Amino acid sequence: MLVKDKKLKVKVNVSEINCPKFTCYWPRLDPGVFTQGQGYRERSSGPREWLCGNREIRGCPTQTFLLV
């Protein structure tokens, strides 16, 4: 789902609507698909999208804590 990040002022692909409030939230530009020995390549020819880097690399944690 896409959620508007108030600091970056862009839509970020996250797993749930409250993700920007979690400590694990890490918005970054989509680097593309990684292939061993070849590096990254773009997923599509369109503009790069923003996503949660933790979700992309490690998956969402089982317990997430809200920022206070």
C-alpha atoms as a PDB file:
ATOM      1  CA  MET A   1       0.000   0.000   0.000  1.00  0.00           C
ATOM      2  CA  LEU A   2       1.180   3.538  -0.658  1.00  0.00           C
ATOM      3  CA  VAL A   3       1.349   5.987   2.258  1.00  0.00           C
ATOM      4  CA  LYS A   4       2.335   9.654   2.068  1.00  0.00           C
ATOM      5  CA  ASP A   5       5.568  10.393   3.962  1.00  0.00           C
ATOM      6  CA  LYS A   6       5.171  13.844   5.528  1.00  0.00           C
ATOM      7  CA  LYS A   7       8.916  14.574   5.715  1.00  0.00           C
ATOM      8  CA  LEU A   8       9.798  13.472   2.171  1.00  0.00           C
ATOM      9  CA  LYS A   9       6.445  14.524   0.693  1.00  0.00           C
ATOM     10  CA  VAL A  10       6.303  11.392  -1.471  1.00  0.00           C
ATOM     11  CA  LYS A  11       4.266   8.183  -1.449  1.00  0.00           C
ATOM     12  CA  VAL A  12       6.114   5.205   0.040  1.00  0.00           C
ATOM     13  CA  ASN A  13       5.200   1.528  -0.505  1.00  0.00           C
ATOM     14  CA  VAL A  14       4.680  -0.018   2.963  1.00  0.00           C
ATOM     15  CA  SER A  15       2.916  -3.033   4.462  1.00  0.00           C
ATOM     16  CA  GLU A  16       0.409  -1.110   6.619  1.00  0.00           C
ATOM     17  CA  ILE A  17      -0.896   2.405   7.094  1.00  0.00           C
ATOM     18  CA  ASN A  18       0.915   3.026  10.422  1.00  0.00           C
ATOM     19  CA  CYS A  19       4.388   2.104   9.134  1.00  0.00           C
ATOM     20  CA  PRO A  20       5.737   5.692   9.134  1.00  0.00           C
ATOM     21  CA  LYS A  21       5.234   5.711  12.933  1.00  0.00           C
ATOM     22  CA  PHE A  22       7.258   2.522  13.533  1.00  0.00           C
ATOM     23  CA  THR A  23      10.947   2.532  14.469  1.00  0.00           C
ATOM     24  CA  CYS A  24      11.711   0.027  11.699  1.00  0.00           C
ATOM     25  CA  TYR A  25      10.441   2.421   8.988  1.00  0.00           C
ATOM     26  CA  TRP A  26      13.207   3.348   6.534  1.00  0.00           C
ATOM     27  CA  PRO A  27      12.052   5.107   3.342  1.00  0.00           C
ATOM     28  CA  ARG A  28      14.404   4.840   0.364  1.00  0.00           C
ATOM     29  CA  LEU A  29      14.311   4.798  -3.395  1.00  0.00           C
ATOM     30  CA  ASP A  30      13.778   1.358  -4.877  1.00  0.00           C
ATOM     31  CA  PRO A  31      17.257   0.150  -5.911  1.00  0.00           C
ATOM     32  CA  GLY A  32      15.811  -2.495  -8.236  1.00  0.00           C
ATOM     33  CA  VAL A  33      16.461  -6.224  -8.447  1.00  0.00           C
ATOM     34  CA  PHE A  34      19.812  -7.567  -7.224  1.00  0.00           C
ATOM     35  CA  THR A  35      21.533 -10.356  -9.146  1.00  0.00           C
ATOM     36  CA  GLN A  36      24.657 -11.980  -7.705  1.00  0.00           C
ATOM     37  CA  GLY A  37      27.684 -11.042  -9.783  1.00  0.00           C
ATOM     38  CA  GLN A  38      25.777  -8.459 -11.819  1.00  0.00           C
ATOM     39  CA  GLY A  39      24.503  -5.982  -9.228  1.00  0.00           C
ATOM     40  CA  TYR A  40      21.226  -4.072  -9.368  1.00  0.00           C
ATOM     41  CA  ARG A  41      18.987  -3.532 -12.372  1.00  0.00           C
ATOM     42  CA  GLU A  42      15.783  -1.525 -12.551  1.00  0.00           C
ATOM     43  CA  ARG A  43      12.433  -3.258 -12.083  1.00  0.00           C
ATOM     44  CA  SER A  44      10.719  -1.262 -14.820  1.00  0.00           C
ATOM     45  CA  SER A  45      11.380   1.534 -17.259  1.00  0.00           C
ATOM     46  CA  GLY A  46       9.164   3.986 -15.339  1.00  0.00           C
ATOM     47  CA  PRO A  47      10.218   6.356 -12.568  1.00  0.00           C
ATOM     48  CA  ARG A  48      11.752   4.816  -9.441  1.00  0.00           C
ATOM     49  CA  GLU A  49       9.372   4.439  -6.519  1.00  0.00           C
ATOM     50  CA  TRP A  50       9.958   4.854  -2.790  1.00  0.00           C
ATOM     51  CA  LEU A  51       9.660   1.862  -0.463  1.00  0.00           C
ATOM     52  CA  CYS A  52      10.453   0.803   3.094  1.00  0.00           C
ATOM     53  CA  GLY A  53      14.043  -0.477   2.956  1.00  0.00           C
ATOM     54  CA  ASN A  54      13.691  -2.723   6.028  1.00  0.00           C
ATOM     55  CA  ARG A  55      10.662  -4.432   4.549  1.00  0.00           C
ATOM     56  CA  GLU A  56      12.470  -4.983   1.225  1.00  0.00           C
ATOM     57  CA  ILE A  57      15.711  -6.326   2.751  1.00  0.00           C
ATOM     58  CA  ARG A  58      14.649  -8.162   5.930  1.00  0.00           C
ATOM     59  CA  GLY A  59      10.869  -8.268   5.819  1.00  0.00           C
ATOM     60  CA  CYS A  60       8.681  -6.651   8.456  1.00  0.00           C
ATOM     61  CA  PRO A  61       9.590  -7.544  12.041  1.00  0.00           C
ATOM     62  CA  THR A  62       7.119  -9.532  14.102  1.00  0.00           C
ATOM     63  CA  GLN A  63       7.001  -6.815  16.757  1.00  0.00           C
ATOM     64  CA  THR A  64       7.167  -3.185  15.772  1.00  0.00           C
ATOM     65  CA  PHE A  65       7.285  -0.336  18.250  1.00  0.00           C
ATOM     66  CA  LEU A  66       5.805   3.092  17.779  1.00  0.00           C
ATOM     67  CA  LEU A  67       8.000   6.158  18.036  1.00  0.00           C
ATOM     68  CA  VAL A  68       7.092   8.308  21.007  1.00  0.00           C
END
